[in-house]
Amino acid sequence: PYELLFDSPGMDMVMTAHVFNARL
C-alpha cells in the first residue's frame, strides 16, 4: 500500500508501528 500510494500526490505523513521484526 505504501509503494502504491507514494506514487500519488498528497502523502502528508507516515506513522510508525511499534512492532519488532528481527528480519528487518
PDBML (XML) file of the C-alpha atoms, coordinates in Angstrom:
<?xml version="1.0" encoding="UTF-8" ?>
<PDBx:datablock datablockName="MODEL"
   xmlns:PDBx="http://pdbml.pdb.org/schema/pdbx-v50.xsd"
   xmlns:xsi="http://www.w3.org/2001/XMLSchema-instance"
   xsi:schemaLocation="http://pdbml.pdb.org/schema/pdbx-v50.xsd pdbx-v50.xsd">
   <PDBx:atom_siteCategory>
      <PDBx:atom_site id="1">
         <PDBx:B_iso_or_equiv>0.00</PDBx:B_iso_or_equiv>
         <PDBx:Cartn_x>0.000</PDBx:Cartn_x>
         <PDBx:Cartn_y>0.000</PDBx:Cartn_y>
         <PDBx:Cartn_z>0.000</PDBx:Cartn_z>
         <PDBx:auth_asym_id>A</PDBx:auth_asym_id>
         <PDBx:auth_atom_id>CA</PDBx:auth_atom_id>
         <PDBx:auth_comp_id>PRO</PDBx:auth_comp_id>
         <PDBx:auth_seq_id>1</PDBx:auth_seq_id>
         <PDBx:group_PDB>ATOM</PDBx:group_PDB>
         <PDBx:label_alt_id xsi:nil="true" />
         <PDBx:label_asym_id>A</PDBx:label_asym_id>
         <PDBx:label_atom_id>CA</PDBx:label_atom_id>
         <PDBx:label_comp_id>PRO</PDBx:label_comp_id>
         <PDBx:label_entity_id>1</PDBx:label_entity_id>
         <PDBx:label_seq_id>1</PDBx:label_seq_id>
         <PDBx:occupancy>1.00</PDBx:occupancy>
         <PDBx:pdbx_PDB_model_num>1</PDBx:pdbx_PDB_model_num>
         <PDBx:type_symbol>C</PDBx:type_symbol>
      </PDBx:atom_site>
      <PDBx:atom_site id="2">
         <PDBx:B_iso_or_equiv>0.00</PDBx:B_iso_or_equiv>
         <PDBx:Cartn_x>2.833</PDBx:Cartn_x>
         <PDBx:Cartn_y>2.416</PDBx:Cartn_y>
         <PDBx:Cartn_z>0.753</PDBx:Cartn_z>
         <PDBx:auth_asym_id>A</PDBx:auth_asym_id>
         <PDBx:auth_atom_id>CA</PDBx:auth_atom_id>
         <PDBx:auth_comp_id>TYR</PDBx:auth_comp_id>
         <PDBx:auth_seq_id>2</PDBx:auth_seq_id>
         <PDBx:group_PDB>ATOM</PDBx:group_PDB>
         <PDBx:label_alt_id xsi:nil="true" />
         <PDBx:label_asym_id>A</PDBx:label_asym_id>
         <PDBx:label_atom_id>CA</PDBx:label_atom_id>
         <PDBx:label_comp_id>TYR</PDBx:label_comp_id>
         <PDBx:label_entity_id>1</PDBx:label_entity_id>
         <PDBx:label_seq_id>2</PDBx:label_seq_id>
         <PDBx:occupancy>1.00</PDBx:occupancy>
         <PDBx:pdbx_PDB_model_num>1</PDBx:pdbx_PDB_model_num>
         <PDBx:type_symbol>C</PDBx:type_symbol>
      </PDBx:atom_site>
      <PDBx:atom_site id="3">
         <PDBx:B_iso_or_equiv>0.00</PDBx:B_iso_or_equiv>
         <PDBx:Cartn_x>4.565</PDBx:Cartn_x>
         <PDBx:Cartn_y>1.680</PDBx:Cartn_y>
         <PDBx:Cartn_z>-2.567</PDBx:Cartn_z>
         <PDBx:auth_asym_id>A</PDBx:auth_asym_id>
         <PDBx:auth_atom_id>CA</PDBx:auth_atom_id>
         <PDBx:auth_comp_id>GLU</PDBx:auth_comp_id>
         <PDBx:auth_seq_id>3</PDBx:auth_seq_id>
         <PDBx:group_PDB>ATOM</PDBx:group_PDB>
         <PDBx:label_alt_id xsi:nil="true" />
         <PDBx:label_asym_id>A</PDBx:label_asym_id>
         <PDBx:label_atom_id>CA</PDBx:label_atom_id>
         <PDBx:label_comp_id>GLU</PDBx:label_comp_id>
         <PDBx:label_entity_id>1</PDBx:label_entity_id>
         <PDBx:label_seq_id>3</PDBx:label_seq_id>
         <PDBx:occupancy>1.00</PDBx:occupancy>
         <PDBx:pdbx_PDB_model_num>1</PDBx:pdbx_PDB_model_num>
         <PDBx:type_symbol>C</PDBx:type_symbol>
      </PDBx:atom_site>
      <PDBx:atom_site id="4">
         <PDBx:B_iso_or_equiv>0.00</PDBx:B_iso_or_equiv>
         <PDBx:Cartn_x>1.317</PDBx:Cartn_x>
         <PDBx:Cartn_y>2.296</PDBx:Cartn_y>
         <PDBx:Cartn_z>-4.453</PDBx:Cartn_z>
         <PDBx:auth_asym_id>A</PDBx:auth_asym_id>
         <PDBx:auth_atom_id>CA</PDBx:auth_atom_id>
         <PDBx:auth_comp_id>LEU</PDBx:auth_comp_id>
         <PDBx:auth_seq_id>4</PDBx:auth_seq_id>
         <PDBx:group_PDB>ATOM</PDBx:group_PDB>
         <PDBx:label_alt_id xsi:nil="true" />
         <PDBx:label_asym_id>A</PDBx:label_asym_id>
         <PDBx:label_atom_id>CA</PDBx:label_atom_id>
         <PDBx:label_comp_id>LEU</PDBx:label_comp_id>
         <PDBx:label_entity_id>1</PDBx:label_entity_id>
         <PDBx:label_seq_id>4</PDBx:label_seq_id>
         <PDBx:occupancy>1.00</PDBx:occupancy>
         <PDBx:pdbx_PDB_model_num>1</PDBx:pdbx_PDB_model_num>
         <PDBx:type_symbol>C</PDBx:type_symbol>
      </PDBx:atom_site>
      <PDBx:atom_site id="5">
         <PDBx:B_iso_or_equiv>0.00</PDBx:B_iso_or_equiv>
         <PDBx:Cartn_x>0.304</PDBx:Cartn_x>
         <PDBx:Cartn_y>5.409</PDBx:Cartn_y>
         <PDBx:Cartn_z>-2.523</PDBx:Cartn_z>
         <PDBx:auth_asym_id>A</PDBx:auth_asym_id>
         <PDBx:auth_atom_id>CA</PDBx:auth_atom_id>
         <PDBx:auth_comp_id>LEU</PDBx:auth_comp_id>
         <PDBx:auth_seq_id>5</PDBx:auth_seq_id>
         <PDBx:group_PDB>ATOM</PDBx:group_PDB>
         <PDBx:label_alt_id xsi:nil="true" />
         <PDBx:label_asym_id>A</PDBx:label_asym_id>
         <PDBx:label_atom_id>CA</PDBx:label_atom_id>
         <PDBx:label_comp_id>LEU</PDBx:label_comp_id>
         <PDBx:label_entity_id>1</PDBx:label_entity_id>
         <PDBx:label_seq_id>5</PDBx:label_seq_id>
         <PDBx:occupancy>1.00</PDBx:occupancy>
         <PDBx:pdbx_PDB_model_num>1</PDBx:pdbx_PDB_model_num>
         <PDBx:type_symbol>C</PDBx:type_symbol>
      </PDBx:atom_site>
      <PDBx:atom_site id="6">
         <PDBx:B_iso_or_equiv>0.00</PDBx:B_iso_or_equiv>
         <PDBx:Cartn_x>3.722</PDBx:Cartn_x>
         <PDBx:Cartn_y>7.063</PDBx:Cartn_y>
         <PDBx:Cartn_z>-2.728</PDBx:Cartn_z>
         <PDBx:auth_asym_id>A</PDBx:auth_asym_id>
         <PDBx:auth_atom_id>CA</PDBx:auth_atom_id>
         <PDBx:auth_comp_id>PHE</PDBx:auth_comp_id>
         <PDBx:auth_seq_id>6</PDBx:auth_seq_id>
         <PDBx:group_PDB>ATOM</PDBx:group_PDB>
         <PDBx:label_alt_id xsi:nil="true" />
         <PDBx:label_asym_id>A</PDBx:label_asym_id>
         <PDBx:label_atom_id>CA</PDBx:label_atom_id>
         <PDBx:label_comp_id>PHE</PDBx:label_comp_id>
         <PDBx:label_entity_id>1</PDBx:label_entity_id>
         <PDBx:label_seq_id>6</PDBx:label_seq_id>
         <PDBx:occupancy>1.00</PDBx:occupancy>
         <PDBx:pdbx_PDB_model_num>1</PDBx:pdbx_PDB_model_num>
         <PDBx:type_symbol>C</PDBx:type_symbol>
      </PDBx:atom_site>
      <PDBx:atom_site id="7">
         <PDBx:B_iso_or_equiv>0.00</PDBx:B_iso_or_equiv>
         <PDBx:Cartn_x>3.175</PDBx:Cartn_x>
         <PDBx:Cartn_y>7.309</PDBx:Cartn_y>
         <PDBx:Cartn_z>-6.485</PDBx:Cartn_z>
         <PDBx:auth_asym_id>A</PDBx:auth_asym_id>
         <PDBx:auth_atom_id>CA</PDBx:auth_atom_id>
         <PDBx:auth_comp_id>ASP</PDBx:auth_comp_id>
         <PDBx:auth_seq_id>7</PDBx:auth_seq_id>
         <PDBx:group_PDB>ATOM</PDBx:group_PDB>
         <PDBx:label_alt_id xsi:nil="true" />
         <PDBx:label_asym_id>A</PDBx:label_asym_id>
         <PDBx:label_atom_id>CA</PDBx:label_atom_id>
         <PDBx:label_comp_id>ASP</PDBx:label_comp_id>
         <PDBx:label_entity_id>1</PDBx:label_entity_id>
         <PDBx:label_seq_id>7</PDBx:label_seq_id>
         <PDBx:occupancy>1.00</PDBx:occupancy>
         <PDBx:pdbx_PDB_model_num>1</PDBx:pdbx_PDB_model_num>
         <PDBx:type_symbol>C</PDBx:type_symbol>
      </PDBx:atom_site>
      <PDBx:atom_site id="8">
         <PDBx:B_iso_or_equiv>0.00</PDBx:B_iso_or_equiv>
         <PDBx:Cartn_x>0.194</PDBx:Cartn_x>
         <PDBx:Cartn_y>9.626</PDBx:Cartn_y>
         <PDBx:Cartn_z>-5.934</PDBx:Cartn_z>
         <PDBx:auth_asym_id>A</PDBx:auth_asym_id>
         <PDBx:auth_atom_id>CA</PDBx:auth_atom_id>
         <PDBx:auth_comp_id>SER</PDBx:auth_comp_id>
         <PDBx:auth_seq_id>8</PDBx:auth_seq_id>
         <PDBx:group_PDB>ATOM</PDBx:group_PDB>
         <PDBx:label_alt_id xsi:nil="true" />
         <PDBx:label_asym_id>A</PDBx:label_asym_id>
         <PDBx:label_atom_id>CA</PDBx:label_atom_id>
         <PDBx:label_comp_id>SER</PDBx:label_comp_id>
         <PDBx:label_entity_id>1</PDBx:label_entity_id>
         <PDBx:label_seq_id>8</PDBx:label_seq_id>
         <PDBx:occupancy>1.00</PDBx:occupancy>
         <PDBx:pdbx_PDB_model_num>1</PDBx:pdbx_PDB_model_num>
         <PDBx:type_symbol>C</PDBx:type_symbol>
      </PDBx:atom_site>
      <PDBx:atom_site id="9">
         <PDBx:B_iso_or_equiv>0.00</PDBx:B_iso_or_equiv>
         <PDBx:Cartn_x>0.116</PDBx:Cartn_x>
         <PDBx:Cartn_y>13.174</PDBx:Cartn_y>
         <PDBx:Cartn_z>-4.507</PDBx:Cartn_z>
         <PDBx:auth_asym_id>A</PDBx:auth_asym_id>
         <PDBx:auth_atom_id>CA</PDBx:auth_atom_id>
         <PDBx:auth_comp_id>PRO</PDBx:auth_comp_id>
         <PDBx:auth_seq_id>9</PDBx:auth_seq_id>
         <PDBx:group_PDB>ATOM</PDBx:group_PDB>
         <PDBx:label_alt_id xsi:nil="true" />
         <PDBx:label_asym_id>A</PDBx:label_asym_id>
         <PDBx:label_atom_id>CA</PDBx:label_atom_id>
         <PDBx:label_comp_id>PRO</PDBx:label_comp_id>
         <PDBx:label_entity_id>1</PDBx:label_entity_id>
         <PDBx:label_seq_id>9</PDBx:label_seq_id>
         <PDBx:occupancy>1.00</PDBx:occupancy>
         <PDBx:pdbx_PDB_model_num>1</PDBx:pdbx_PDB_model_num>
         <PDBx:type_symbol>C</PDBx:type_symbol>
      </PDBx:atom_site>
      <PDBx:atom_site id="10">
         <PDBx:B_iso_or_equiv>0.00</PDBx:B_iso_or_equiv>
         <PDBx:Cartn_x>-0.882</PDBx:Cartn_x>
         <PDBx:Cartn_y>14.148</PDBx:Cartn_y>
         <PDBx:Cartn_z>-1.009</PDBx:Cartn_z>
         <PDBx:auth_asym_id>A</PDBx:auth_asym_id>
         <PDBx:auth_atom_id>CA</PDBx:auth_atom_id>
         <PDBx:auth_comp_id>GLY</PDBx:auth_comp_id>
         <PDBx:auth_seq_id>10</PDBx:auth_seq_id>
         <PDBx:group_PDB>ATOM</PDBx:group_PDB>
         <PDBx:label_alt_id xsi:nil="true" />
         <PDBx:label_asym_id>A</PDBx:label_asym_id>
         <PDBx:label_atom_id>CA</PDBx:label_atom_id>
         <PDBx:label_comp_id>GLY</PDBx:label_comp_id>
         <PDBx:label_entity_id>1</PDBx:label_entity_id>
         <PDBx:label_seq_id>10</PDBx:label_seq_id>
         <PDBx:occupancy>1.00</PDBx:occupancy>
         <PDBx:pdbx_PDB_model_num>1</PDBx:pdbx_PDB_model_num>
         <PDBx:type_symbol>C</PDBx:type_symbol>
      </PDBx:atom_site>
      <PDBx:atom_site id="11">
         <PDBx:B_iso_or_equiv>0.00</PDBx:B_iso_or_equiv>
         <PDBx:Cartn_x>1.255</PDBx:Cartn_x>
         <PDBx:Cartn_y>11.974</PDBx:Cartn_y>
         <PDBx:Cartn_z>1.243</PDBx:Cartn_z>
         <PDBx:auth_asym_id>A</PDBx:auth_asym_id>
         <PDBx:auth_atom_id>CA</PDBx:auth_atom_id>
         <PDBx:auth_comp_id>MET</PDBx:auth_comp_id>
         <PDBx:auth_seq_id>11</PDBx:auth_seq_id>
         <PDBx:group_PDB>ATOM</PDBx:group_PDB>
         <PDBx:label_alt_id xsi:nil="true" />
         <PDBx:label_asym_id>A</PDBx:label_asym_id>
         <PDBx:label_atom_id>CA</PDBx:label_atom_id>
         <PDBx:label_comp_id>MET</PDBx:label_comp_id>
         <PDBx:label_entity_id>1</PDBx:label_entity_id>
         <PDBx:label_seq_id>11</PDBx:label_seq_id>
         <PDBx:occupancy>1.00</PDBx:occupancy>
         <PDBx:pdbx_PDB_model_num>1</PDBx:pdbx_PDB_model_num>
         <PDBx:type_symbol>C</PDBx:type_symbol>
      </PDBx:atom_site>
      <PDBx:atom_site id="12">
         <PDBx:B_iso_or_equiv>0.00</PDBx:B_iso_or_equiv>
         <PDBx:Cartn_x>1.435</PDBx:Cartn_x>
         <PDBx:Cartn_y>14.191</PDBx:Cartn_y>
         <PDBx:Cartn_z>4.324</PDBx:Cartn_z>
         <PDBx:auth_asym_id>A</PDBx:auth_asym_id>
         <PDBx:auth_atom_id>CA</PDBx:auth_atom_id>
         <PDBx:auth_comp_id>ASP</PDBx:auth_comp_id>
         <PDBx:auth_seq_id>12</PDBx:auth_seq_id>
         <PDBx:group_PDB>ATOM</PDBx:group_PDB>
         <PDBx:label_alt_id xsi:nil="true" />
         <PDBx:label_asym_id>A</PDBx:label_asym_id>
         <PDBx:label_atom_id>CA</PDBx:label_atom_id>
         <PDBx:label_comp_id>ASP</PDBx:label_comp_id>
         <PDBx:label_entity_id>1</PDBx:label_entity_id>
         <PDBx:label_seq_id>12</PDBx:label_seq_id>
         <PDBx:occupancy>1.00</PDBx:occupancy>
         <PDBx:pdbx_PDB_model_num>1</PDBx:pdbx_PDB_model_num>
         <PDBx:type_symbol>C</PDBx:type_symbol>
      </PDBx:atom_site>
      <PDBx:atom_site id="13">
         <PDBx:B_iso_or_equiv>0.00</PDBx:B_iso_or_equiv>
         <PDBx:Cartn_x>2.701</PDBx:Cartn_x>
         <PDBx:Cartn_y>11.809</PDBx:Cartn_y>
         <PDBx:Cartn_z>6.989</PDBx:Cartn_z>
         <PDBx:auth_asym_id>A</PDBx:auth_asym_id>
         <PDBx:auth_atom_id>CA</PDBx:auth_atom_id>
         <PDBx:auth_comp_id>MET</PDBx:auth_comp_id>
         <PDBx:auth_seq_id>13</PDBx:auth_seq_id>
         <PDBx:group_PDB>ATOM</PDBx:group_PDB>
         <PDBx:label_alt_id xsi:nil="true" />
         <PDBx:label_asym_id>A</PDBx:label_asym_id>
         <PDBx:label_atom_id>CA</PDBx:label_atom_id>
         <PDBx:label_comp_id>MET</PDBx:label_comp_id>
         <PDBx:label_entity_id>1</PDBx:label_entity_id>
         <PDBx:label_seq_id>13</PDBx:label_seq_id>
         <PDBx:occupancy>1.00</PDBx:occupancy>
         <PDBx:pdbx_PDB_model_num>1</PDBx:pdbx_PDB_model_num>
         <PDBx:type_symbol>C</PDBx:type_symbol>
      </PDBx:atom_site>
      <PDBx:atom_site id="14">
         <PDBx:B_iso_or_equiv>0.00</PDBx:B_iso_or_equiv>
         <PDBx:Cartn_x>3.562</PDBx:Cartn_x>
         <PDBx:Cartn_y>8.202</PDBx:Cartn_y>
         <PDBx:Cartn_z>7.671</PDBx:Cartn_z>
         <PDBx:auth_asym_id>A</PDBx:auth_asym_id>
         <PDBx:auth_atom_id>CA</PDBx:auth_atom_id>
         <PDBx:auth_comp_id>VAL</PDBx:auth_comp_id>
         <PDBx:auth_seq_id>14</PDBx:auth_seq_id>
         <PDBx:group_PDB>ATOM</PDBx:group_PDB>
         <PDBx:label_alt_id xsi:nil="true" />
         <PDBx:label_asym_id>A</PDBx:label_asym_id>
         <PDBx:label_atom_id>CA</PDBx:label_atom_id>
         <PDBx:label_comp_id>VAL</PDBx:label_comp_id>
         <PDBx:label_entity_id>1</PDBx:label_entity_id>
         <PDBx:label_seq_id>14</PDBx:label_seq_id>
         <PDBx:occupancy>1.00</PDBx:occupancy>
         <PDBx:pdbx_PDB_model_num>1</PDBx:pdbx_PDB_model_num>
         <PDBx:type_symbol>C</PDBx:type_symbol>
      </PDBx:atom_site>
      <PDBx:atom_site id="15">
         <PDBx:B_iso_or_equiv>0.00</PDBx:B_iso_or_equiv>
         <PDBx:Cartn_x>3.050</PDBx:Cartn_x>
         <PDBx:Cartn_y>6.881</PDBx:Cartn_y>
         <PDBx:Cartn_z>11.199</PDBx:Cartn_z>
         <PDBx:auth_asym_id>A</PDBx:auth_asym_id>
         <PDBx:auth_atom_id>CA</PDBx:auth_atom_id>
         <PDBx:auth_comp_id>MET</PDBx:auth_comp_id>
         <PDBx:auth_seq_id>15</PDBx:auth_seq_id>
         <PDBx:group_PDB>ATOM</PDBx:group_PDB>
         <PDBx:label_alt_id xsi:nil="true" />
         <PDBx:label_asym_id>A</PDBx:label_asym_id>
         <PDBx:label_atom_id>CA</PDBx:label_atom_id>
         <PDBx:label_comp_id>MET</PDBx:label_comp_id>
         <PDBx:label_entity_id>1</PDBx:label_entity_id>
         <PDBx:label_seq_id>15</PDBx:label_seq_id>
         <PDBx:occupancy>1.00</PDBx:occupancy>
         <PDBx:pdbx_PDB_model_num>1</PDBx:pdbx_PDB_model_num>
         <PDBx:type_symbol>C</PDBx:type_symbol>
      </PDBx:atom_site>
      <PDBx:atom_site id="16">
         <PDBx:B_iso_or_equiv>0.00</PDBx:B_iso_or_equiv>
         <PDBx:Cartn_x>5.368</PDBx:Cartn_x>
         <PDBx:Cartn_y>4.235</PDBx:Cartn_y>
         <PDBx:Cartn_z>12.622</PDBx:Cartn_z>
         <PDBx:auth_asym_id>A</PDBx:auth_asym_id>
         <PDBx:auth_atom_id>CA</PDBx:auth_atom_id>
         <PDBx:auth_comp_id>THR</PDBx:auth_comp_id>
         <PDBx:auth_seq_id>16</PDBx:auth_seq_id>
         <PDBx:group_PDB>ATOM</PDBx:group_PDB>
         <PDBx:label_alt_id xsi:nil="true" />
         <PDBx:label_asym_id>A</PDBx:label_asym_id>
         <PDBx:label_atom_id>CA</PDBx:label_atom_id>
         <PDBx:label_comp_id>THR</PDBx:label_comp_id>
         <PDBx:label_entity_id>1</PDBx:label_entity_id>
         <PDBx:label_seq_id>16</PDBx:label_seq_id>
         <PDBx:occupancy>1.00</PDBx:occupancy>
         <PDBx:pdbx_PDB_model_num>1</PDBx:pdbx_PDB_model_num>
         <PDBx:type_symbol>C</PDBx:type_symbol>
      </PDBx:atom_site>
      <PDBx:atom_site id="17">
         <PDBx:B_iso_or_equiv>0.00</PDBx:B_iso_or_equiv>
         <PDBx:Cartn_x>4.405</PDBx:Cartn_x>
         <PDBx:Cartn_y>0.892</PDBx:Cartn_y>
         <PDBx:Cartn_z>14.134</PDBx:Cartn_z>
         <PDBx:auth_asym_id>A</PDBx:auth_asym_id>
         <PDBx:auth_atom_id>CA</PDBx:auth_atom_id>
         <PDBx:auth_comp_id>ALA</PDBx:auth_comp_id>
         <PDBx:auth_seq_id>17</PDBx:auth_seq_id>
         <PDBx:group_PDB>ATOM</PDBx:group_PDB>
         <PDBx:label_alt_id xsi:nil="true" />
         <PDBx:label_asym_id>A</PDBx:label_asym_id>
         <PDBx:label_atom_id>CA</PDBx:label_atom_id>
         <PDBx:label_comp_id>ALA</PDBx:label_comp_id>
         <PDBx:label_entity_id>1</PDBx:label_entity_id>
         <PDBx:label_seq_id>17</PDBx:label_seq_id>
         <PDBx:occupancy>1.00</PDBx:occupancy>
         <PDBx:pdbx_PDB_model_num>1</PDBx:pdbx_PDB_model_num>
         <PDBx:type_symbol>C</PDBx:type_symbol>
      </PDBx:atom_site>
      <PDBx:atom_site id="18">
         <PDBx:B_iso_or_equiv>0.00</PDBx:B_iso_or_equiv>
         <PDBx:Cartn_x>5.824</PDBx:Cartn_x>
         <PDBx:Cartn_y>-0.244</PDBx:Cartn_y>
         <PDBx:Cartn_z>17.485</PDBx:Cartn_z>
         <PDBx:auth_asym_id>A</PDBx:auth_asym_id>
         <PDBx:auth_atom_id>CA</PDBx:auth_atom_id>
         <PDBx:auth_comp_id>HIS</PDBx:auth_comp_id>
         <PDBx:auth_seq_id>18</PDBx:auth_seq_id>
         <PDBx:group_PDB>ATOM</PDBx:group_PDB>
         <PDBx:label_alt_id xsi:nil="true" />
         <PDBx:label_asym_id>A</PDBx:label_asym_id>
         <PDBx:label_atom_id>CA</PDBx:label_atom_id>
         <PDBx:label_comp_id>HIS</PDBx:label_comp_id>
         <PDBx:label_entity_id>1</PDBx:label_entity_id>
         <PDBx:label_seq_id>18</PDBx:label_seq_id>
         <PDBx:occupancy>1.00</PDBx:occupancy>
         <PDBx:pdbx_PDB_model_num>1</PDBx:pdbx_PDB_model_num>
         <PDBx:type_symbol>C</PDBx:type_symbol>
      </PDBx:atom_site>
      <PDBx:atom_site id="19">
         <PDBx:B_iso_or_equiv>0.00</PDBx:B_iso_or_equiv>
         <PDBx:Cartn_x>6.323</PDBx:Cartn_x>
         <PDBx:Cartn_y>-3.747</PDBx:Cartn_y>
         <PDBx:Cartn_z>16.110</PDBx:Cartn_z>
         <PDBx:auth_asym_id>A</PDBx:auth_asym_id>
         <PDBx:auth_atom_id>CA</PDBx:auth_atom_id>
         <PDBx:auth_comp_id>VAL</PDBx:auth_comp_id>
         <PDBx:auth_seq_id>19</PDBx:auth_seq_id>
         <PDBx:group_PDB>ATOM</PDBx:group_PDB>
         <PDBx:label_alt_id xsi:nil="true" />
         <PDBx:label_asym_id>A</PDBx:label_asym_id>
         <PDBx:label_atom_id>CA</PDBx:label_atom_id>
         <PDBx:label_comp_id>VAL</PDBx:label_comp_id>
         <PDBx:label_entity_id>1</PDBx:label_entity_id>
         <PDBx:label_seq_id>19</PDBx:label_seq_id>
         <PDBx:occupancy>1.00</PDBx:occupancy>
         <PDBx:pdbx_PDB_model_num>1</PDBx:pdbx_PDB_model_num>
         <PDBx:type_symbol>C</PDBx:type_symbol>
      </PDBx:atom_site>
      <PDBx:atom_site id="20">
         <PDBx:B_iso_or_equiv>0.00</PDBx:B_iso_or_equiv>
         <PDBx:Cartn_x>9.521</PDBx:Cartn_x>
         <PDBx:Cartn_y>-5.757</PDBx:Cartn_y>
         <PDBx:Cartn_z>16.354</PDBx:Cartn_z>
         <PDBx:auth_asym_id>A</PDBx:auth_asym_id>
         <PDBx:auth_atom_id>CA</PDBx:auth_atom_id>
         <PDBx:auth_comp_id>PHE</PDBx:auth_comp_id>
         <PDBx:auth_seq_id>20</PDBx:auth_seq_id>
         <PDBx:group_PDB>ATOM</PDBx:group_PDB>
         <PDBx:label_alt_id xsi:nil="true" />
         <PDBx:label_asym_id>A</PDBx:label_asym_id>
         <PDBx:label_atom_id>CA</PDBx:label_atom_id>
         <PDBx:label_comp_id>PHE</PDBx:label_comp_id>
         <PDBx:label_entity_id>1</PDBx:label_entity_id>
         <PDBx:label_seq_id>20</PDBx:label_seq_id>
         <PDBx:occupancy>1.00</PDBx:occupancy>
         <PDBx:pdbx_PDB_model_num>1</PDBx:pdbx_PDB_model_num>
         <PDBx:type_symbol>C</PDBx:type_symbol>
      </PDBx:atom_site>
      <PDBx:atom_site id="21">
         <PDBx:B_iso_or_equiv>0.00</PDBx:B_iso_or_equiv>
         <PDBx:Cartn_x>10.654</PDBx:Cartn_x>
         <PDBx:Cartn_y>-7.744</PDBx:Cartn_y>
         <PDBx:Cartn_z>13.325</PDBx:Cartn_z>
         <PDBx:auth_asym_id>A</PDBx:auth_asym_id>
         <PDBx:auth_atom_id>CA</PDBx:auth_atom_id>
         <PDBx:auth_comp_id>ASN</PDBx:auth_comp_id>
         <PDBx:auth_seq_id>21</PDBx:auth_seq_id>
         <PDBx:group_PDB>ATOM</PDBx:group_PDB>
         <PDBx:label_alt_id xsi:nil="true" />
         <PDBx:label_asym_id>A</PDBx:label_asym_id>
         <PDBx:label_atom_id>CA</PDBx:label_atom_id>
         <PDBx:label_comp_id>ASN</PDBx:label_comp_id>
         <PDBx:label_entity_id>1</PDBx:label_entity_id>
         <PDBx:label_seq_id>21</PDBx:label_seq_id>
         <PDBx:occupancy>1.00</PDBx:occupancy>
         <PDBx:pdbx_PDB_model_num>1</PDBx:pdbx_PDB_model_num>
         <PDBx:type_symbol>C</PDBx:type_symbol>
      </PDBx:atom_site>
      <PDBx:atom_site id="22">
         <PDBx:B_iso_or_equiv>0.00</PDBx:B_iso_or_equiv>
         <PDBx:Cartn_x>14.017</PDBx:Cartn_x>
         <PDBx:Cartn_y>-9.458</PDBx:Cartn_y>
         <PDBx:Cartn_z>13.672</PDBx:Cartn_z>
         <PDBx:auth_asym_id>A</PDBx:auth_asym_id>
         <PDBx:auth_atom_id>CA</PDBx:auth_atom_id>
         <PDBx:auth_comp_id>ALA</PDBx:auth_comp_id>
         <PDBx:auth_seq_id>22</PDBx:auth_seq_id>
         <PDBx:group_PDB>ATOM</PDBx:group_PDB>
         <PDBx:label_alt_id xsi:nil="true" />
         <PDBx:label_asym_id>A</PDBx:label_asym_id>
         <PDBx:label_atom_id>CA</PDBx:label_atom_id>
         <PDBx:label_comp_id>ALA</PDBx:label_comp_id>
         <PDBx:label_entity_id>1</PDBx:label_entity_id>
         <PDBx:label_seq_id>22</PDBx:label_seq_id>
         <PDBx:occupancy>1.00</PDBx:occupancy>
         <PDBx:pdbx_PDB_model_num>1</PDBx:pdbx_PDB_model_num>
         <PDBx:type_symbol>C</PDBx:type_symbol>
      </PDBx:atom_site>
      <PDBx:atom_site id="23">
         <PDBx:B_iso_or_equiv>0.00</PDBx:B_iso_or_equiv>
         <PDBx:Cartn_x>14.137</PDBx:Cartn_x>
         <PDBx:Cartn_y>-9.951</PDBx:Cartn_y>
         <PDBx:Cartn_z>9.891</PDBx:Cartn_z>
         <PDBx:auth_asym_id>A</PDBx:auth_asym_id>
         <PDBx:auth_atom_id>CA</PDBx:auth_atom_id>
         <PDBx:auth_comp_id>ARG</PDBx:auth_comp_id>
         <PDBx:auth_seq_id>23</PDBx:auth_seq_id>
         <PDBx:group_PDB>ATOM</PDBx:group_PDB>
         <PDBx:label_alt_id xsi:nil="true" />
         <PDBx:label_asym_id>A</PDBx:label_asym_id>
         <PDBx:label_atom_id>CA</PDBx:label_atom_id>
         <PDBx:label_comp_id>ARG</PDBx:label_comp_id>
         <PDBx:label_entity_id>1</PDBx:label_entity_id>
         <PDBx:label_seq_id>23</PDBx:label_seq_id>
         <PDBx:occupancy>1.00</PDBx:occupancy>
         <PDBx:pdbx_PDB_model_num>1</PDBx:pdbx_PDB_model_num>
         <PDBx:type_symbol>C</PDBx:type_symbol>
      </PDBx:atom_site>
      <PDBx:atom_site id="24">
         <PDBx:B_iso_or_equiv>0.00</PDBx:B_iso_or_equiv>
         <PDBx:Cartn_x>14.154</PDBx:Cartn_x>
         <PDBx:Cartn_y>-6.174</PDBx:Cartn_y>
         <PDBx:Cartn_z>9.436</PDBx:Cartn_z>
         <PDBx:auth_asym_id>A</PDBx:auth_asym_id>
         <PDBx:auth_atom_id>CA</PDBx:auth_atom_id>
         <PDBx:auth_comp_id>LEU</PDBx:auth_comp_id>
         <PDBx:auth_seq_id>24</PDBx:auth_seq_id>
         <PDBx:group_PDB>ATOM</PDBx:group_PDB>
         <PDBx:label_alt_id xsi:nil="true" />
         <PDBx:label_asym_id>A</PDBx:label_asym_id>
         <PDBx:label_atom_id>CA</PDBx:label_atom_id>
         <PDBx:label_comp_id>LEU</PDBx:label_comp_id>
         <PDBx:label_entity_id>1</PDBx:label_entity_id>
         <PDBx:label_seq_id>24</PDBx:label_seq_id>
         <PDBx:occupancy>1.00</PDBx:occupancy>
         <PDBx:pdbx_PDB_model_num>1</PDBx:pdbx_PDB_model_num>
         <PDBx:type_symbol>C</PDBx:type_symbol>
      </PDBx:atom_site>
   </PDBx:atom_siteCategory>
</PDBx:datablock>
